[in-house]
PDB file of N, CA and C in Angstrom:
ATOM      1  N   MET A   1     -46.095   6.792  73.733  1.00  0.00           N
ATOM      2  CA  MET A   1     -47.193   7.003  74.632  1.00  0.00           C
ATOM      3  C   MET A   1     -46.672   7.021  76.046  1.00  0.00           C
ATOM      4  N   ASP A   2     -47.411   7.676  76.900  1.00  0.00           N
ATOM      5  CA  ASP A   2     -47.068   7.682  78.315  1.00  0.00           C
ATOM      6  C   ASP A   2     -47.529   6.360  78.909  1.00  0.00           C
ATOM      7  N   VAL A   3     -46.746   5.823  79.809  1.00  0.00           N
ATOM      8  CA  VAL A   3     -47.126   4.565  80.454  1.00  0.00           C
ATOM      9  C   VAL A   3     -48.294   4.791  81.399  1.00  0.00           C
ATOM     10  N   GLU A   4     -48.313   5.930  82.080  1.00  0.00           N
ATOM     11  CA  GLU A   4     -49.398   6.270  83.005  1.00  0.00           C
ATOM     12  C   GLU A   4     -50.455   7.072  82.263  1.00  0.00           C
ATOM     13  N   MET A   5     -51.573   6.442  81.957  1.00  0.00           N
ATOM     14  CA  MET A   5     -52.679   7.117  81.287  1.00  0.00           C
ATOM     15  C   MET A   5     -53.973   6.698  81.971  1.00  0.00           C
ATOM     16  N   PRO A   6     -54.994   7.551  81.909  1.00  0.00           N
ATOM     17  CA  PRO A   6     -56.268   7.165  82.518  1.00  0.00           C
ATOM     18  C   PRO A   6     -56.951   6.063  81.713  1.00  0.00           C
ATOM     19  N   LYS A   7     -57.726   5.272  82.360  1.00  0.00           N
ATOM     20  CA  LYS A   7     -58.545   4.192  81.793  1.00  0.00           C
ATOM     21  C   LYS A   7     -57.729   2.983  81.342  1.00  0.00           C
ATOM     22  N   MET A   8     -56.681   3.175  80.549  1.00  0.00           N
ATOM     23  CA  MET A   8     -55.858   2.056  80.084  1.00  0.00           C
ATOM     24  C   MET A   8     -54.404   2.511  80.081  1.00  0.00           C
ATOM     25  N   ASN A   9     -53.529   1.759  80.752  1.00  0.00           N
ATOM     26  CA  ASN A   9     -52.134   2.196  80.788  1.00  0.00           C
ATOM     27  C   ASN A   9     -51.409   1.849  79.485  1.00  0.00           C
ATOM     28  N   GLY A  10     -50.233   2.420  79.333  1.00  0.00           N
ATOM     29  CA  GLY A  10     -49.455   2.241  78.106  1.00  0.00           C
ATOM     30  C   GLY A  10     -49.091   0.798  77.807  1.00  0.00           C
ATOM     31  N   ASN A  11     -48.853   0.003  78.849  1.00  0.00           N
ATOM     32  CA  ASN A  11     -48.545  -1.414  78.628  1.00  0.00           C
ATOM     33  C   ASN A  11     -49.721  -2.122  77.957  1.00  0.00           C
ATOM     34  N   ALA A  12     -50.932  -1.836  78.415  1.00  0.00           N
ATOM     35  CA  ALA A  12     -52.119  -2.466  77.837  1.00  0.00           C
ATOM     36  C   ALA A  12     -52.333  -2.022  76.391  1.00  0.00           C
ATOM     37  N   VAL A  13     -52.126  -0.737  76.125  1.00  0.00           N
ATOM     38  CA  VAL A  13     -52.279  -0.238  74.754  1.00  0.00           C
ATOM     39  C   VAL A  13     -51.239  -0.875  73.839  1.00  0.00           C
ATOM     40  N   ALA A  14     -50.008  -0.966  74.310  1.00  0.00           N
ATOM     41  CA  ALA A  14     -48.946  -1.577  73.500  1.00  0.00           C
ATOM     42  C   ALA A  14     -49.258  -3.043  73.198  1.00  0.00           C
ATOM     43  N   ARG A  15     -49.793  -3.777  74.172  1.00  0.00           N
ATOM     44  CA  ARG A  15     -50.164  -5.173  73.926  1.00  0.00           C
ATOM     45  C   ARG A  15     -51.264  -5.264  72.860  1.00  0.00           C
ATOM     46  N   LEU A  16     -52.220  -4.343  72.888  1.00  0.00           N
ATOM     47  CA  LEU A  16     -53.261  -4.322  71.859  1.00  0.00           C
ATOM     48  C   LEU A  16     -52.674  -4.051  70.471  1.00  0.00           C
ATOM     49  N   ILE A  17     -51.727  -3.127  70.402  1.00  0.00           N
ATOM     50  CA  ILE A  17     -51.074  -2.829  69.116  1.00  0.00           C
ATOM     51  C   ILE A  17     -50.310  -4.049  68.618  1.00  0.00           C
ATOM     52  N   ARG A  18     -49.579  -4.710  69.496  1.00  0.00           N
ATOM     53  CA  ARG A  18     -48.805  -5.895  69.103  1.00  0.00           C
ATOM     54  C   ARG A  18     -49.711  -7.036  68.637  1.00  0.00           C
ATOM     55  N   ALA A  19     -50.935  -7.097  69.140  1.00  0.00           N
ATOM     56  CA  ALA A  19     -51.883  -8.144  68.752  1.00  0.00           C
ATOM     57  C   ALA A  19     -52.745  -7.727  67.560  1.00  0.00           C
ATOM     58  N   SER A  20     -52.542  -6.528  67.041  1.00  0.00           N
ATOM     59  CA  SER A  20     -53.366  -5.995  65.956  1.00  0.00           C
ATOM     60  C   SER A  20     -52.870  -6.468  64.589  1.00  0.00           C
ATOM     61  N   GLU A  21     -53.476  -5.936  63.547  1.00  0.00           N
ATOM     62  CA  GLU A  21     -53.060  -6.241  62.178  1.00  0.00           C
ATOM     63  C   GLU A  21     -51.738  -5.574  61.808  1.00  0.00           C
ATOM     64  N   LYS A  22     -51.263  -4.653  62.651  1.00  0.00           N
ATOM     65  CA  LYS A  22     -50.004  -3.946  62.398  1.00  0.00           C
ATOM     66  C   LYS A  22     -49.076  -4.066  63.610  1.00  0.00           C
ATOM     67  N   PRO A  23     -48.659  -5.279  63.939  1.00  0.00           N
ATOM     68  CA  PRO A  23     -47.844  -5.479  65.142  1.00  0.00           C
ATOM     69  C   PRO A  23     -46.446  -4.863  65.043  1.00  0.00           C
ATOM     70  N   GLU A  24     -46.034  -4.515  63.836  1.00  0.00           N
ATOM     71  CA  GLU A  24     -44.704  -3.931  63.648  1.00  0.00           C
ATOM     72  C   GLU A  24     -44.670  -2.423  63.910  1.00  0.00           C
ATOM     73  N   THR A  25     -45.815  -1.830  64.244  1.00  0.00           N
ATOM     74  CA  THR A  25     -45.888  -0.404  64.537  1.00  0.00           C
ATOM     75  C   THR A  25     -44.903  -0.048  65.645  1.00  0.00           C
ATOM     76  N   PRO A  26     -43.997   0.922  65.399  1.00  0.00           N
ATOM     77  CA  PRO A  26     -43.055   1.314  66.453  1.00  0.00           C
ATOM     78  C   PRO A  26     -43.799   1.961  67.626  1.00  0.00           C
ATOM     79  N   ILE A  27     -43.397   1.586  68.827  1.00  0.00           N
ATOM     80  CA  ILE A  27     -44.037   2.134  70.025  1.00  0.00           C
ATOM     81  C   ILE A  27     -42.957   2.658  70.965  1.00  0.00           C
ATOM     82  N   LEU A  28     -43.100   3.912  71.329  1.00  0.00           N
ATOM     83  CA  LEU A  28     -42.191   4.579  72.254  1.00  0.00           C
ATOM     84  C   LEU A  28     -42.917   4.779  73.580  1.00  0.00           C
ATOM     85  N   ALA A  29     -42.339   4.285  74.664  1.00  0.00           N
ATOM     86  CA  ALA A  29     -42.903   4.493  76.000  1.00  0.00           C
ATOM     87  C   ALA A  29     -42.186   5.673  76.643  1.00  0.00           C
ATOM     88  N   ILE A  30     -42.978   6.540  77.247  1.00  0.00           N
ATOM     89  CA  ILE A  30     -42.443   7.673  77.997  1.00  0.00           C
ATOM     90  C   ILE A  30     -42.994   7.552  79.404  1.00  0.00           C
ATOM     91  N   THR A  31     -42.099   7.591  80.392  1.00  0.00           N
ATOM     92  CA  THR A  31     -42.586   7.405  81.762  1.00  0.00           C
ATOM     93  C   THR A  31     -41.784   8.203  82.772  1.00  0.00           C
ATOM     94  N   GLY A  32     -42.488   8.679  83.750  1.00  0.00           N
ATOM     95  CA  GLY A  32     -41.879   9.302  84.908  1.00  0.00           C
ATOM     96  C   GLY A  32     -42.332   8.576  86.156  1.00  0.00           C
ATOM     97  N   ALA A  33     -43.175   7.597  85.946  1.00  0.00           N
ATOM     98  CA  ALA A  33     -43.749   6.825  87.058  1.00  0.00           C
ATOM     99  C   ALA A  33     -42.900   5.599  87.337  1.00  0.00           C
ATOM    100  N   PHE A  34     -42.592   5.400  88.584  1.00  0.00           N
ATOM    101  CA  PHE A  34     -41.797   4.240  88.942  1.00  0.00           C
ATOM    102  C   PHE A  34     -42.657   3.112  89.482  1.00  0.00           C
ATOM    103  N   HIS A  35     -43.927   3.379  89.771  1.00  0.00           N
ATOM    104  CA  HIS A  35     -44.814   2.336  90.275  1.00  0.00           C
ATOM    105  C   HIS A  35     -45.514   1.601  89.129  1.00  0.00           C
ATOM    106  N   SER A  36     -45.393   2.114  87.925  1.00  0.00           N
ATOM    107  CA  SER A  36     -46.019   1.479  86.767  1.00  0.00           C
ATOM    108  C   SER A  36     -45.003   1.441  85.624  1.00  0.00           C
ATOM    109  N   LEU A  37     -44.014   0.603  85.767  1.00  0.00           N
ATOM    110  CA  LEU A  37     -42.933   0.551  84.793  1.00  0.00           C
ATOM    111  C   LEU A  37     -43.383  -0.062  83.473  1.00  0.00           C
ATOM    112  N   PRO A  38     -42.795   0.424  82.369  1.00  0.00           N
ATOM    113  CA  PRO A  38     -43.147  -0.155  81.069  1.00  0.00           C
ATOM    114  C   PRO A  38     -42.597  -1.567  80.938  1.00  0.00           C
ATOM    115  N   GLN A  39     -43.327  -2.412  80.251  1.00  0.00           N
ATOM    116  CA  GLN A  39     -42.851  -3.757  79.939  1.00  0.00           C
ATOM    117  C   GLN A  39     -41.982  -3.617  78.691  1.00  0.00           C
ATOM    118  N   LYS A  40     -40.680  -3.551  78.887  1.00  0.00           N
ATOM    119  CA  LYS A  40     -39.746  -3.194  77.821  1.00  0.00           C
ATOM    120  C   LYS A  40     -39.826  -4.089  76.590  1.00  0.00           C
ATOM    121  N   GLU A  41     -40.258  -5.320  76.743  1.00  0.00           N
ATOM    122  CA  GLU A  41     -40.288  -6.238  75.601  1.00  0.00           C
ATOM    123  C   GLU A  41     -41.385  -5.885  74.590  1.00  0.00           C
ATOM    124  N   ILE A  42     -42.356  -5.065  74.966  1.00  0.00           N
ATOM    125  CA  ILE A  42     -43.418  -4.708  74.023  1.00  0.00           C
ATOM    126  C   ILE A  42     -43.231  -3.323  73.418  1.00  0.00           C
ATOM    127  N   PHE A  43     -42.200  -2.606  73.844  1.00  0.00           N
ATOM    128  CA  PHE A  43     -41.900  -1.279  73.309  1.00  0.00           C
ATOM    129  C   PHE A  43     -40.606  -1.326  72.498  1.00  0.00           C
ATOM    130  N   ASN A  44     -40.529  -0.481  71.492  1.00  0.00           N
ATOM    131  CA  ASN A  44     -39.290  -0.380  70.724  1.00  0.00           C
ATOM    132  C   ASN A  44     -38.252   0.457  71.467  1.00  0.00           C
ATOM    133  N   GLU A  45     -38.732   1.400  72.249  1.00  0.00           N
ATOM    134  CA  GLU A  45     -37.840   2.303  72.986  1.00  0.00           C
ATOM    135  C   GLU A  45     -38.586   2.788  74.225  1.00  0.00           C
ATOM    136  N   VAL A  46     -37.827   3.045  75.299  1.00  0.00           N
ATOM    137  CA  VAL A  46     -38.390   3.587  76.530  1.00  0.00           C
ATOM    138  C   VAL A  46     -37.573   4.809  76.930  1.00  0.00           C
ATOM    139  N   LEU A  47     -38.243   5.959  77.103  1.00  0.00           N
ATOM    140  CA  LEU A  47     -37.578   7.179  77.548  1.00  0.00           C
ATOM    141  C   LEU A  47     -38.099   7.556  78.930  1.00  0.00           C
ATOM    142  N   PRO A  48     -37.186   7.698  79.901  1.00  0.00           N
ATOM    143  CA  PRO A  48     -37.617   8.161  81.218  1.00  0.00           C
ATOM    144  C   PRO A  48     -37.752   9.685  81.206  1.00  0.00           C
ATOM    145  N   LYS A  49     -38.754  10.192  81.919  1.00  0.00           N
ATOM    146  CA  LYS A  49     -38.906  11.644  82.070  1.00  0.00           C
ATOM    147  C   LYS A  49     -37.979  12.116  83.171  1.00  0.00           C
ATOM    148  N   PRO A  50     -37.395  13.256  83.090  1.00  0.00           N
ATOM    149  CA  PRO A  50     -37.393  14.153  81.938  1.00  0.00           C
ATOM    150  C   PRO A  50     -36.384  13.674  80.900  1.00  0.00           C
ATOM    151  N   PHE A  51     -36.596  14.045  79.671  1.00  0.00           N
ATOM    152  CA  PHE A  51     -35.674  13.682  78.600  1.00  0.00           C
ATOM    153  C   PHE A  51     -35.451  14.907  77.719  1.00  0.00           C
ATOM    154  N   ALA A  52     -34.332  14.907  77.018  1.00  0.00           N
ATOM    155  CA  ALA A  52     -34.007  16.011  76.119  1.00  0.00           C
ATOM    156  C   ALA A  52     -34.826  15.869  74.842  1.00  0.00           C
ATOM    157  N   LEU A  53     -35.336  16.970  74.350  1.00  0.00           N
ATOM    158  CA  LEU A  53     -36.127  16.930  73.121  1.00  0.00           C
ATOM    159  C   LEU A  53     -35.322  16.375  71.953  1.00  0.00           C
ATOM    160  N   GLU A  54     -34.032  16.619  71.940  1.00  0.00           N
ATOM    161  CA  GLU A  54     -33.194  16.078  70.867  1.00  0.00           C
ATOM    162  C   GLU A  54     -33.184  14.556  70.895  1.00  0.00           C
ATOM    163  N   LEU A  55     -33.217  13.965  72.066  1.00  0.00           N
ATOM    164  CA  LEU A  55     -33.282  12.501  72.177  1.00  0.00           C
ATOM    165  C   LEU A  55     -34.609  11.994  71.620  1.00  0.00           C
ATOM    166  N   LEU A  56     -35.707  12.650  71.966  1.00  0.00           N
ATOM    167  CA  LEU A  56     -37.013  12.268  71.431  1.00  0.00           C
ATOM    168  C   LEU A  56     -37.004  12.371  69.907  1.00  0.00           C
ATOM    169  N   ARG A  57     -36.468  13.444  69.397  1.00  0.00           N
ATOM    170  CA  ARG A  57     -36.386  13.629  67.943  1.00  0.00           C
ATOM    171  C   ARG A  57     -35.589  12.505  67.300  1.00  0.00           C
ATOM    172  N   SER A  58     -34.477  12.159  67.891  1.00  0.00           N
ATOM    173  CA  SER A  58     -33.621  11.098  67.367  1.00  0.00           C
ATOM    174  C   SER A  58     -34.356   9.755  67.328  1.00  0.00           C
ATOM    175  N   VAL A  59     -35.091   9.449  68.380  1.00  0.00           N
ATOM    176  CA  VAL A  59     -35.840   8.184  68.434  1.00  0.00           C
ATOM    177  C   VAL A  59     -36.914   8.158  67.361  1.00  0.00           C
ATOM    178  N   VAL A  60     -37.669   9.244  67.248  1.00  0.00           N
ATOM    179  CA  VAL A  60     -38.732   9.298  66.242  1.00  0.00           C
ATOM    180  C   VAL A  60     -38.143   9.196  64.842  1.00  0.00           C
ATOM    181  N   GLU A  61     -37.037   9.881  64.577  1.00  0.00           N
ATOM    182  CA  GLU A  61     -36.381   9.778  63.264  1.00  0.00           C
ATOM    183  C   GLU A  61     -35.945   8.360  62.971  1.00  0.00           C
ATOM    184  N   SER A  62     -35.456   7.648  63.981  1.00  0.00           N
ATOM    185  CA  SER A  62     -35.038   6.251  63.767  1.00  0.00           C
ATOM    186  C   SER A  62     -36.239   5.376  63.402  1.00  0.00           C
ATOM    187  N   PHE A  63     -37.401   5.679  63.976  1.00  0.00           N
ATOM    188  CA  PHE A  63     -38.618   4.936  63.641  1.00  0.00           C
ATOM    189  C   PHE A  63     -39.031   5.188  62.191  1.00  0.00           C
ATOM    190  N   LEU A  64     -38.779   6.390  61.708  1.00  0.00           N
ATOM    191  CA  LEU A  64     -39.201   6.753  60.351  1.00  0.00           C
ATOM    192  C   LEU A  64     -38.295   6.172  59.261  1.00  0.00           C
ATOM    193  N   ARG A  65     -37.113   5.739  59.641  1.00  0.00           N
ATOM    194  CA  ARG A  65     -36.192   5.152  58.649  1.00  0.00           C
ATOM    195  C   ARG A  65     -36.605   3.783  58.247  1.00  0.00           C
TER     196      ARG A  65
END
């Protein structure tokens, strides 16, 4: 998810997921914003924008293993 989103930022969404019935759900943070940095301890991976699509693919594949 993008860290900068309307209504609720990615950090808040990730905290809700971690507190849910499925806290082990892999969460990837994507950000280009430097004023709203991801809280790295609640994400499995953080990718800064811009990123190579191959890197995104690699991260998602690692989550699926």
